[in-house]
């Protein structure tokens, strides 16, 4: 697939499907969203800024804990993957922006 020529709707569908099907993609996505947070948000496990970047206030604590676990070298448990798969699809737009920037599409 040529990611450079697809619509936002197609990005959304592709990213959300990937998050549901691939454990590796899910774990990488959690880390990418965590990395987008500010240092104080990462330290506190909270969403402290209304900037539409990083995890939202409801997801910040559990998802930040998961991200730190992943960065420590431990994969998610089946229960954590279940929770993450419920939460992560809403972050597709941030993941699209990150993907475009990293891969030179934007």
PDB file of N, CA and C in Angstrom:
ATOM      1  N   UNK A   1       0.847  -1.183   0.000  1.00  0.00           N
ATOM      2  CA  UNK A   1       0.000   0.000   0.000  1.00  0.00           C
ATOM      3  C   UNK A   1       0.887   1.238   0.000  1.00  0.00           C
ATOM      4  N   UNK A   2       0.540   2.199  -0.840  1.00  0.00           N
ATOM      5  CA  UNK A   2       1.241   3.477  -0.880  1.00  0.00           C
ATOM      6  C   UNK A   2       0.569   4.416   0.118  1.00  0.00           C
ATOM      7  N   UNK A   3       1.146   4.520   1.309  1.00  0.00           N
ATOM      8  CA  UNK A   3       0.562   5.309   2.389  1.00  0.00           C
ATOM      9  C   UNK A   3       0.529   6.796   2.060  1.00  0.00           C
ATOM     10  N   UNK A   4       1.304   7.217   1.102  1.00  0.00           N
ATOM     11  CA  UNK A   4       1.359   8.624   0.729  1.00  0.00           C
ATOM     12  C   UNK A   4       0.099   9.085  -0.003  1.00  0.00           C
ATOM     13  N   UNK A   5      -0.618   8.158  -0.616  1.00  0.00           N
ATOM     14  CA  UNK A   5      -1.754   8.533  -1.459  1.00  0.00           C
ATOM     15  C   UNK A   5      -3.105   8.083  -0.922  1.00  0.00           C
ATOM     16  N   UNK A   6      -3.219   7.829   0.367  1.00  0.00           N
ATOM     17  CA  UNK A   6      -4.515   7.388   0.888  1.00  0.00           C
ATOM     18  C   UNK A   6      -5.194   8.516   1.664  1.00  0.00           C
ATOM     19  N   UNK A   7      -6.483   8.419   1.767  1.00  0.00           N
ATOM     20  CA  UNK A   7      -7.278   9.443   2.451  1.00  0.00           C
ATOM     21  C   UNK A   7      -7.184   9.263   3.970  1.00  0.00           C
ATOM     22  N   UNK A   8      -7.634  10.285   4.696  1.00  0.00           N
ATOM     23  CA  UNK A   8      -7.661  10.175   6.156  1.00  0.00           C
ATOM     24  C   UNK A   8      -8.534   9.016   6.605  1.00  0.00           C
ATOM     25  N   UNK A   9      -9.647   8.827   5.913  1.00  0.00           N
ATOM     26  CA  UNK A   9     -10.537   7.717   6.266  1.00  0.00           C
ATOM     27  C   UNK A   9      -9.814   6.383   6.103  1.00  0.00           C
ATOM     28  N   UNK A  10      -9.040   6.251   5.043  1.00  0.00           N
ATOM     29  CA  UNK A  10      -8.279   5.020   4.823  1.00  0.00           C
ATOM     30  C   UNK A  10      -7.180   4.852   5.878  1.00  0.00           C
ATOM     31  N   UNK A  11      -6.523   5.962   6.258  1.00  0.00           N
ATOM     32  CA  UNK A  11      -5.539   5.897   7.340  1.00  0.00           C
ATOM     33  C   UNK A  11      -6.206   5.364   8.596  1.00  0.00           C
ATOM     34  N   UNK A  12      -7.352   5.941   8.931  1.00  0.00           N
ATOM     35  CA  UNK A  12      -8.068   5.536  10.138  1.00  0.00           C
ATOM     36  C   UNK A  12      -8.378   4.046  10.110  1.00  0.00           C
ATOM     37  N   UNK A  13      -8.948   3.584   9.018  1.00  0.00           N
ATOM     38  CA  UNK A  13      -9.315   2.173   8.896  1.00  0.00           C
ATOM     39  C   UNK A  13      -8.089   1.267   8.998  1.00  0.00           C
ATOM     40  N   UNK A  14      -7.018   1.636   8.288  1.00  0.00           N
ATOM     41  CA  UNK A  14      -5.818   0.808   8.277  1.00  0.00           C
ATOM     42  C   UNK A  14      -5.153   0.765   9.652  1.00  0.00           C
ATOM     43  N   UNK A  15      -5.024   1.916  10.293  1.00  0.00           N
ATOM     44  CA  UNK A  15      -4.380   1.960  11.608  1.00  0.00           C
ATOM     45  C   UNK A  15      -5.192   1.229  12.662  1.00  0.00           C
ATOM     46  N   UNK A  16      -6.506   1.448  12.665  1.00  0.00           N
ATOM     47  CA  UNK A  16      -7.338   0.782  13.662  1.00  0.00           C
ATOM     48  C   UNK A  16      -7.328  -0.731  13.464  1.00  0.00           C
ATOM     49  N   UNK A  17      -7.341  -1.181  12.229  1.00  0.00           N
ATOM     50  CA  UNK A  17      -7.270  -2.619  11.949  1.00  0.00           C
ATOM     51  C   UNK A  17      -5.928  -3.187  12.398  1.00  0.00           C
ATOM     52  N   UNK A  18      -4.870  -2.466  12.118  1.00  0.00           N
ATOM     53  CA  UNK A  18      -3.540  -2.905  12.522  1.00  0.00           C
ATOM     54  C   UNK A  18      -3.423  -3.027  14.035  1.00  0.00           C
ATOM     55  N   UNK A  19      -3.988  -2.072  14.763  1.00  0.00           N
ATOM     56  CA  UNK A  19      -3.950  -2.118  16.230  1.00  0.00           C
ATOM     57  C   UNK A  19      -4.708  -3.321  16.784  1.00  0.00           C
ATOM     58  N   UNK A  20      -5.764  -3.708  16.106  1.00  0.00           N
ATOM     59  CA  UNK A  20      -6.567  -4.852  16.551  1.00  0.00           C
ATOM     60  C   UNK A  20      -5.909  -6.192  16.237  1.00  0.00           C
ATOM     61  N   UNK A  21      -5.128  -6.242  15.158  1.00  0.00           N
ATOM     62  CA  UNK A  21      -4.595  -7.518  14.694  1.00  0.00           C
ATOM     63  C   UNK A  21      -3.153  -7.797  15.104  1.00  0.00           C
ATOM     64  N   UNK A  22      -2.366  -6.767  15.323  1.00  0.00           N
ATOM     65  CA  UNK A  22      -0.938  -6.964  15.540  1.00  0.00           C
ATOM     66  C   UNK A  22      -0.521  -6.530  16.944  1.00  0.00           C
ATOM     67  N   UNK A  23      -0.008  -7.483  17.719  1.00  0.00           N
ATOM     68  CA  UNK A  23       0.502  -7.161  19.050  1.00  0.00           C
ATOM     69  C   UNK A  23       1.696  -6.210  18.956  1.00  0.00           C
ATOM     70  N   UNK A  24       2.548  -6.424  17.973  1.00  0.00           N
ATOM     71  CA  UNK A  24       3.732  -5.578  17.795  1.00  0.00           C
ATOM     72  C   UNK A  24       3.316  -4.142  17.485  1.00  0.00           C
ATOM     73  N   UNK A  25       2.365  -3.977  16.562  1.00  0.00           N
ATOM     74  CA  UNK A  25       1.898  -2.632  16.215  1.00  0.00           C
ATOM     75  C   UNK A  25       1.242  -1.958  17.415  1.00  0.00           C
ATOM     76  N   UNK A  26       0.481  -2.706  18.170  1.00  0.00           N
ATOM     77  CA  UNK A  26      -0.182  -2.167  19.363  1.00  0.00           C
ATOM     78  C   UNK A  26       0.852  -1.656  20.357  1.00  0.00           C
ATOM     79  N   UNK A  27       1.863  -2.466  20.632  1.00  0.00           N
ATOM     80  CA  UNK A  27       2.889  -2.058  21.595  1.00  0.00           C
ATOM     81  C   UNK A  27       3.678  -0.861  21.090  1.00  0.00           C
ATOM     82  N   UNK A  28       4.009  -0.838  19.821  1.00  0.00           N
ATOM     83  CA  UNK A  28       4.733   0.312  19.256  1.00  0.00           C
ATOM     84  C   UNK A  28       3.892   1.574  19.309  1.00  0.00           C
ATOM     85  N   UNK A  29       2.606   1.437  19.047  1.00  0.00           N
ATOM     86  CA  UNK A  29       1.709   2.597  19.072  1.00  0.00           C
ATOM     87  C   UNK A  29       1.619   3.186  20.483  1.00  0.00           C
ATOM     88  N   UNK A  30       1.550   2.332  21.481  1.00  0.00           N
ATOM     89  CA  UNK A  30       1.503   2.806  22.869  1.00  0.00           C
ATOM     90  C   UNK A  30       2.761   3.618  23.172  1.00  0.00           C
ATOM     91  N   UNK A  31       3.903   3.102  22.761  1.00  0.00           N
ATOM     92  CA  UNK A  31       5.164   3.811  23.000  1.00  0.00           C
ATOM     93  C   UNK A  31       5.184   5.138  22.251  1.00  0.00           C
ATOM     94  N   UNK A  32       4.725   5.162  21.014  1.00  0.00           N
ATOM     95  CA  UNK A  32       4.742   6.405  20.216  1.00  0.00           C
ATOM     96  C   UNK A  32       3.864   7.488  20.846  1.00  0.00           C
ATOM     97  N   UNK A  33       2.686   7.106  21.324  1.00  0.00           N
ATOM     98  CA  UNK A  33       1.804   8.091  21.959  1.00  0.00           C
ATOM     99  C   UNK A  33       2.421   8.564  23.271  1.00  0.00           C
ATOM    100  N   UNK A  34       2.992   7.649  24.026  1.00  0.00           N
ATOM    101  CA  UNK A  34       3.688   8.012  25.270  1.00  0.00           C
ATOM    102  C   UNK A  34       4.806   9.013  24.982  1.00  0.00           C
ATOM    103  N   UNK A  35       5.594   8.752  23.945  1.00  0.00           N
ATOM    104  CA  UNK A  35       6.710   9.637  23.597  1.00  0.00           C
ATOM    105  C   UNK A  35       6.241  11.028  23.184  1.00  0.00           C
ATOM    106  N   UNK A  36       4.995  11.131  22.738  1.00  0.00           N
ATOM    107  CA  UNK A  36       4.447  12.433  22.334  1.00  0.00           C
ATOM    108  C   UNK A  36       4.059  13.290  23.545  1.00  0.00           C
ATOM    109  N   UNK A  37       3.904  12.653  24.694  1.00  0.00           N
ATOM    110  CA  UNK A  37       3.533  13.390  25.900  1.00  0.00           C
ATOM    111  C   UNK A  37       4.701  14.262  26.369  1.00  0.00           C
ATOM    112  N   UNK A  38       4.379  15.253  27.169  1.00  0.00           N
ATOM    113  CA  UNK A  38       5.421  16.099  27.744  1.00  0.00           C
ATOM    114  C   UNK A  38       6.138  15.336  28.855  1.00  0.00           C
ATOM    115  N   UNK A  39       7.316  15.816  29.233  1.00  0.00           N
ATOM    116  CA  UNK A  39       8.089  15.155  30.293  1.00  0.00           C
ATOM    117  C   UNK A  39       7.314  15.091  31.603  1.00  0.00           C
ATOM    118  N   UNK A  40       6.617  16.173  31.949  1.00  0.00           N
ATOM    119  CA  UNK A  40       5.875  16.168  33.213  1.00  0.00           C
ATOM    120  C   UNK A  40       4.704  15.192  33.169  1.00  0.00           C
ATOM    121  N   UNK A  41       4.097  15.015  32.007  1.00  0.00           N
ATOM    122  CA  UNK A  41       3.020  14.027  31.877  1.00  0.00           C
ATOM    123  C   UNK A  41       3.588  12.608  31.999  1.00  0.00           C
ATOM    124  N   UNK A  42       4.733  12.375  31.398  1.00  0.00           N
ATOM    125  CA  UNK A  42       5.362  11.061  31.490  1.00  0.00           C
ATOM    126  C   UNK A  42       5.729  10.732  32.933  1.00  0.00           C
ATOM    127  N   UNK A  43       6.249  11.710  33.650  1.00  0.00           N
ATOM    128  CA  UNK A  43       6.642  11.472  35.048  1.00  0.00           C
ATOM    129  C   UNK A  43       5.441  11.246  35.959  1.00  0.00           C
ATOM    130  N   UNK A  44       4.348  11.971  35.721  1.00  0.00           N
ATOM    131  CA  UNK A  44       3.201  11.932  36.633  1.00  0.00           C
ATOM    132  C   UNK A  44       2.160  10.876  36.277  1.00  0.00           C
ATOM    133  N   UNK A  45       2.271  10.269  35.092  1.00  0.00           N
ATOM    134  CA  UNK A  45       1.260   9.321  34.595  1.00  0.00           C
ATOM    135  C   UNK A  45      -0.097   9.988  34.426  1.00  0.00           C
ATOM    136  N   UNK A  46      -0.097  11.287  34.133  1.00  0.00           N
ATOM    137  CA  UNK A  46      -1.342  12.043  33.970  1.00  0.00           C
ATOM    138  C   UNK A  46      -1.282  12.896  32.710  1.00  0.00           C
ATOM    139  N   UNK A  47      -2.446  13.265  32.223  1.00  0.00           N
ATOM    140  CA  UNK A  47      -2.550  14.225  31.138  1.00  0.00           C
ATOM    141  C   UNK A  47      -2.726  15.596  31.782  1.00  0.00           C
ATOM    142  N   UNK A  48      -1.736  16.444  31.639  1.00  0.00           N
ATOM    143  CA  UNK A  48      -1.739  17.726  32.331  1.00  0.00           C
ATOM    144  C   UNK A  48      -2.007  18.909  31.419  1.00  0.00           C
ATOM    145  N   UNK A  49      -1.962  18.701  30.104  1.00  0.00           N
ATOM    146  CA  UNK A  49      -2.093  19.797  29.147  1.00  0.00           C
ATOM    147  C   UNK A  49      -3.214  19.502  28.151  1.00  0.00           C
ATOM    148  N   UNK A  50      -3.970  20.520  27.812  1.00  0.00           N
ATOM    149  CA  UNK A  50      -5.020  20.381  26.802  1.00  0.00           C
ATOM    150  C   UNK A  50      -4.413  20.665  25.432  1.00  0.00           C
ATOM    151  N   UNK A  51      -3.615  19.732  24.927  1.00  0.00           N
ATOM    152  CA  UNK A  51      -2.918  19.955  23.671  1.00  0.00           C
ATOM    153  C   UNK A  51      -3.239  18.907  22.602  1.00  0.00           C
ATOM    154  N   UNK A  52      -4.150  17.989  22.906  1.00  0.00           N
ATOM    155  CA  UNK A  52      -4.518  16.918  21.968  1.00  0.00           C
ATOM    156  C   UNK A  52      -3.325  16.073  21.536  1.00  0.00           C
ATOM    157  N   UNK A  53      -2.338  15.983  22.411  1.00  0.00           N
ATOM    158  CA  UNK A  53      -1.148  15.179  22.142  1.00  0.00           C
ATOM    159  C   UNK A  53      -0.927  14.259  23.330  1.00  0.00           C
ATOM    160  N   UNK A  54      -0.630  13.006  23.034  1.00  0.00           N
ATOM    161  CA  UNK A  54      -0.444  12.029  24.098  1.00  0.00           C
ATOM    162  C   UNK A  54      -1.773  11.434  24.519  1.00  0.00           C
ATOM    163  N   UNK A  55      -1.758  10.756  25.641  1.00  0.00           N
ATOM    164  CA  UNK A  55      -2.966  10.101  26.143  1.00  0.00           C
ATOM    165  C   UNK A  55      -3.917  11.120  26.764  1.00  0.00           C
ATOM    166  N   UNK A  56      -5.213  10.841  26.678  1.00  0.00           N
ATOM    167  CA  UNK A  56      -6.195  11.731  27.306  1.00  0.00           C
ATOM    168  C   UNK A  56      -6.221  11.485  28.814  1.00  0.00           C
ATOM    169  N   UNK A  57      -7.000  12.281  29.515  1.00  0.00           N
ATOM    170  CA  UNK A  57      -7.020  12.211  30.982  1.00  0.00           C
ATOM    171  C   UNK A  57      -7.465  10.849  31.513  1.00  0.00           C
ATOM    172  N   UNK A  58      -8.411  10.216  30.855  1.00  0.00           N
ATOM    173  CA  UNK A  58      -8.909   8.919  31.309  1.00  0.00           C
ATOM    174  C   UNK A  58      -7.872   7.817  31.084  1.00  0.00           C
ATOM    175  N   UNK A  59      -7.188   7.876  29.965  1.00  0.00           N
ATOM    176  CA  UNK A  59      -6.255   6.812  29.580  1.00  0.00           C
ATOM    177  C   UNK A  59      -4.831   7.020  30.090  1.00  0.00           C
ATOM    178  N   UNK A  60      -4.503   8.215  30.523  1.00  0.00           N
ATOM    179  CA  UNK A  60      -3.110   8.558  30.809  1.00  0.00           C
ATOM    180  C   UNK A  60      -2.446   7.597  31.802  1.00  0.00           C
ATOM    181  N   UNK A  61      -3.075   7.346  32.916  1.00  0.00           N
ATOM    182  CA  UNK A  61      -2.411   6.519  33.929  1.00  0.00           C
ATOM    183  C   UNK A  61      -2.193   5.074  33.460  1.00  0.00           C
ATOM    184  N   UNK A  62      -3.252   4.361  33.039  1.00  0.00           N
ATOM    185  CA  UNK A  62      -3.000   2.961  32.654  1.00  0.00           C
ATOM    186  C   UNK A  62      -2.118   2.827  31.417  1.00  0.00           C
ATOM    187  N   UNK A  63      -2.277   3.721  30.449  1.00  0.00           N
ATOM    188  CA  UNK A  63      -1.496   3.596  29.220  1.00  0.00           C
ATOM    189  C   UNK A  63      -0.041   4.014  29.437  1.00  0.00           C
ATOM    190  N   UNK A  64       0.200   4.991  30.304  1.00  0.00           N
ATOM    191  CA  UNK A  64       1.568   5.391  30.614  1.00  0.00           C
ATOM    192  C   UNK A  64       2.285   4.270  31.359  1.00  0.00           C
ATOM    193  N   UNK A  65       1.595   3.621  32.268  1.00  0.00           N
ATOM    194  CA  UNK A  65       2.177   2.480  32.980  1.00  0.00           C
ATOM    195  C   UNK A  65       2.545   1.380  31.986  1.00  0.00           C
ATOM    196  N   UNK A  66       1.655   1.113  31.023  1.00  0.00           N
ATOM    197  CA  UNK A  66       1.952   0.101  30.007  1.00  0.00           C
ATOM    198  C   UNK A  66       3.153   0.510  29.157  1.00  0.00           C
ATOM    199  N   UNK A  67       3.208   1.780  28.781  1.00  0.00           N
ATOM    200  CA  UNK A  67       4.325   2.260  27.957  1.00  0.00           C
ATOM    201  C   UNK A  67       5.648   2.095  28.699  1.00  0.00           C
ATOM    202  N   UNK A  68       5.677   2.448  29.970  1.00  0.00           N
ATOM    203  CA  UNK A  68       6.898   2.305  30.762  1.00  0.00           C
ATOM    204  C   UNK A  68       7.297   0.837  30.897  1.00  0.00           C
ATOM    205  N   UNK A  69       6.321  -0.035  31.027  1.00  0.00           N
ATOM    206  CA  UNK A  69       6.579  -1.471  31.085  1.00  0.00           C
ATOM    207  C   UNK A  69       7.226  -1.940  29.784  1.00  0.00           C
ATOM    208  N   UNK A  70       6.644  -1.501  28.659  1.00  0.00           N
ATOM    209  CA  UNK A  70       7.175  -1.876  27.351  1.00  0.00           C
ATOM    210  C   UNK A  70       8.594  -1.354  27.163  1.00  0.00           C
ATOM    211  N   UNK A  71       8.824  -0.115  27.551  1.00  0.00           N
ATOM    212  CA  UNK A  71      10.159   0.463  27.428  1.00  0.00           C
ATOM    213  C   UNK A  71      11.161  -0.239  28.332  1.00  0.00           C
ATOM    214  N   UNK A  72      10.657  -0.867  29.388  1.00  0.00           N
ATOM    215  CA  UNK A  72      11.504  -1.653  30.278  1.00  0.00           C
ATOM    216  C   UNK A  72      11.803  -3.047  29.758  1.00  0.00           C
ATOM    217  N   UNK A  73      11.198  -3.398  28.622  1.00  0.00           N
ATOM    218  CA  UNK A  73      11.498  -4.678  27.997  1.00  0.00           C
ATOM    219  C   UNK A  73      10.500  -5.788  28.244  1.00  0.00           C
ATOM    220  N   UNK A  74       9.377  -5.473  28.899  1.00  0.00           N
ATOM    221  CA  UNK A  74       8.374  -6.501  29.182  1.00  0.00           C
ATOM    222  C   UNK A  74       7.154  -6.288  28.293  1.00  0.00           C
ATOM    223  N   UNK A  75       6.733  -7.327  27.598  1.00  0.00           N
ATOM    224  CA  UNK A  75       5.548  -7.244  26.747  1.00  0.00           C
ATOM    225  C   UNK A  75       4.278  -7.149  27.591  1.00  0.00           C
ATOM    226  N   UNK A  76       3.200  -6.742  26.958  1.00  0.00           N
ATOM    227  CA  UNK A  76       1.913  -6.653  27.634  1.00  0.00           C
ATOM    228  C   UNK A  76       1.350  -8.041  27.919  1.00  0.00           C
ATOM    229  N   UNK A  77       0.625  -8.150  29.012  1.00  0.00           N
ATOM    230  CA  UNK A  77      -0.091  -9.391  29.313  1.00  0.00           C
ATOM    231  C   UNK A  77      -1.334  -9.440  28.416  1.00  0.00           C
ATOM    232  N   UNK A  78      -1.995 -10.571  28.375  1.00  0.00           N
ATOM    233  CA  UNK A  78      -3.210 -10.679  27.556  1.00  0.00           C
ATOM    234  C   UNK A  78      -4.276  -9.703  28.060  1.00  0.00           C
ATOM    235  N   UNK A  79      -4.382  -9.516  29.360  1.00  0.00           N
ATOM    236  CA  UNK A  79      -5.352  -8.560  29.925  1.00  0.00           C
ATOM    237  C   UNK A  79      -4.994  -7.127  29.528  1.00  0.00           C
ATOM    238  N   UNK A  80      -3.726  -6.779  29.575  1.00  0.00           N
ATOM    239  CA  UNK A  80      -3.299  -5.442  29.163  1.00  0.00           C
ATOM    240  C   UNK A  80      -3.534  -5.219  27.677  1.00  0.00           C
ATOM    241  N   UNK A  81      -3.280  -6.234  26.850  1.00  0.00           N
ATOM    242  CA  UNK A  81      -3.554  -6.101  25.408  1.00  0.00           C
ATOM    243  C   UNK A  81      -5.032  -5.860  25.172  1.00  0.00           C
ATOM    244  N   UNK A  82      -5.883  -6.563  25.904  1.00  0.00           N
ATOM    245  CA  UNK A  82      -7.334  -6.376  25.788  1.00  0.00           C
ATOM    246  C   UNK A  82      -7.703  -4.922  26.101  1.00  0.00           C
ATOM    247  N   UNK A  83      -7.189  -4.410  27.196  1.00  0.00           N
ATOM    248  CA  UNK A  83      -7.480  -3.028  27.599  1.00  0.00           C
ATOM    249  C   UNK A  83      -6.937  -2.048  26.556  1.00  0.00           C
ATOM    250  N   UNK A  84      -5.698  -2.264  26.131  1.00  0.00           N
ATOM    251  CA  UNK A  84      -5.073  -1.368  25.155  1.00  0.00           C
ATOM    252  C   UNK A  84      -5.827  -1.369  23.828  1.00  0.00           C
ATOM    253  N   UNK A  85      -6.322  -2.523  23.425  1.00  0.00           N
ATOM    254  CA  UNK A  85      -7.061  -2.590  22.155  1.00  0.00           C
ATOM    255  C   UNK A  85      -8.391  -1.837  22.238  1.00  0.00           C
ATOM    256  N   UNK A  86      -8.923  -1.686  23.417  1.00  0.00           N
ATOM    257  CA  UNK A  86     -10.142  -0.889  23.604  1.00  0.00           C
ATOM    258  C   UNK A  86      -9.832   0.606  23.553  1.00  0.00           C
ATOM    259  N   UNK A  87      -8.665   0.987  24.054  1.00  0.00           N
ATOM    260  CA  UNK A  87      -8.322   2.393  24.198  1.00  0.00           C
ATOM    261  C   UNK A  87      -7.587   2.990  22.981  1.00  0.00           C
ATOM    262  N   UNK A  88      -6.702   2.244  22.372  1.00  0.00           N
ATOM    263  CA  UNK A  88      -5.797   2.812  21.376  1.00  0.00           C
ATOM    264  C   UNK A  88      -6.414   3.230  20.039  1.00  0.00           C
ATOM    265  N   UNK A  89      -7.504   2.612  19.566  1.00  0.00           N
ATOM    266  CA  UNK A  89      -8.033   3.056  18.268  1.00  0.00           C
ATOM    267  C   UNK A  89      -8.379   4.542  18.189  1.00  0.00           C
ATOM    268  N   UNK A  90      -8.725   5.155  19.315  1.00  0.00           N
ATOM    269  CA  UNK A  90      -9.067   6.588  19.290  1.00  0.00           C
ATOM    270  C   UNK A  90      -7.859   7.469  19.000  1.00  0.00           C
ATOM    271  N   UNK A  91      -6.653   6.918  19.099  1.00  0.00           N
ATOM    272  CA  UNK A  91      -5.428   7.687  18.873  1.00  0.00           C
ATOM    273  C   UNK A  91      -4.921   7.590  17.431  1.00  0.00           C
ATOM    274  N   UNK A  92      -5.774   7.107  16.535  1.00  0.00           N
ATOM    275  CA  UNK A  92      -5.351   6.889  15.156  1.00  0.00           C
ATOM    276  C   UNK A  92      -4.820   8.165  14.504  1.00  0.00           C
ATOM    277  N   UNK A  93      -5.450   9.307  14.789  1.00  0.00           N
ATOM    278  CA  UNK A  93      -5.035  10.556  14.138  1.00  0.00           C
ATOM    279  C   UNK A  93      -3.605  10.938  14.569  1.00  0.00           C
ATOM    280  N   UNK A  94      -3.314  10.822  15.852  1.00  0.00           N
ATOM    281  CA  UNK A  94      -1.951  11.103  16.309  1.00  0.00           C
ATOM    282  C   UNK A  94      -0.960  10.125  15.674  1.00  0.00           C
ATOM    283  N   UNK A  95      -1.352   8.868  15.598  1.00  0.00           N
ATOM    284  CA  UNK A  95      -0.482   7.867  14.985  1.00  0.00           C
ATOM    285  C   UNK A  95      -0.259   8.157  13.505  1.00  0.00           C
ATOM    286  N   UNK A  96      -1.294   8.652  12.824  1.00  0.00           N
ATOM    287  CA  UNK A  96      -1.151   9.021  11.424  1.00  0.00           C
ATOM    288  C   UNK A  96      -0.135  10.150  11.283  1.00  0.00           C
ATOM    289  N   UNK A  97      -0.258  11.178  12.106  1.00  0.00           N
ATOM    290  CA  UNK A  97       0.657  12.322  12.041  1.00  0.00           C
ATOM    291  C   UNK A  97       2.089  11.868  12.326  1.00  0.00           C
ATOM    292  N   UNK A  98       2.256  11.033  13.348  1.00  0.00           N
ATOM    293  CA  UNK A  98       3.583  10.519  13.689  1.00  0.00           C
ATOM    294  C   UNK A  98       4.145   9.706  12.532  1.00  0.00           C
ATOM    295  N   UNK A  99       3.326   8.834  11.952  1.00  0.00           N
ATOM    296  CA  UNK A  99       3.765   7.996  10.835  1.00  0.00           C
ATOM    297  C   UNK A  99       4.166   8.829   9.631  1.00  0.00           C
ATOM    298  N   UNK A 100       3.368   9.824   9.325  1.00  0.00           N
ATOM    299  CA  UNK A 100       3.690  10.683   8.184  1.00  0.00           C
ATOM    300  C   UNK A 100       5.000  11.425   8.403  1.00  0.00           C
ATOM    301  N   UNK A 101       5.205  11.923   9.601  1.00  0.00           N
ATOM    302  CA  UNK A 101       6.428  12.666   9.906  1.00  0.00           C
ATOM    303  C   UNK A 101       7.651  11.750   9.835  1.00  0.00           C
ATOM    304  N   UNK A 102       7.562  10.585  10.490  1.00  0.00           N
ATOM    305  CA  UNK A 102       8.693   9.663  10.544  1.00  0.00           C
ATOM    306  C   UNK A 102       9.041   9.120   9.159  1.00  0.00           C
ATOM    307  N   UNK A 103       8.034   8.863   8.338  1.00  0.00           N
ATOM    308  CA  UNK A 103       8.258   8.240   7.027  1.00  0.00           C
ATOM    309  C   UNK A 103       8.329   9.234   5.877  1.00  0.00           C
ATOM    310  N   UNK A 104       8.310  10.519   6.199  1.00  0.00           N
ATOM    311  CA  UNK A 104       8.470  11.542   5.178  1.00  0.00           C
ATOM    312  C   UNK A 104       7.257  11.760   4.295  1.00  0.00           C
ATOM    313  N   UNK A 105       6.064  11.420   4.786  1.00  0.00           N
ATOM    314  CA  UNK A 105       4.854  11.629   3.991  1.00  0.00           C
ATOM    315  C   UNK A 105       4.275  13.028   4.195  1.00  0.00           C
ATOM    316  N   UNK A 106       4.737  13.738   5.211  1.00  0.00           N
ATOM    317  CA  UNK A 106       4.186  15.066   5.489  1.00  0.00           C
ATOM    318  C   UNK A 106       5.231  16.123   5.330  1.00  0.00           C
TER     319      UNK A 106
END
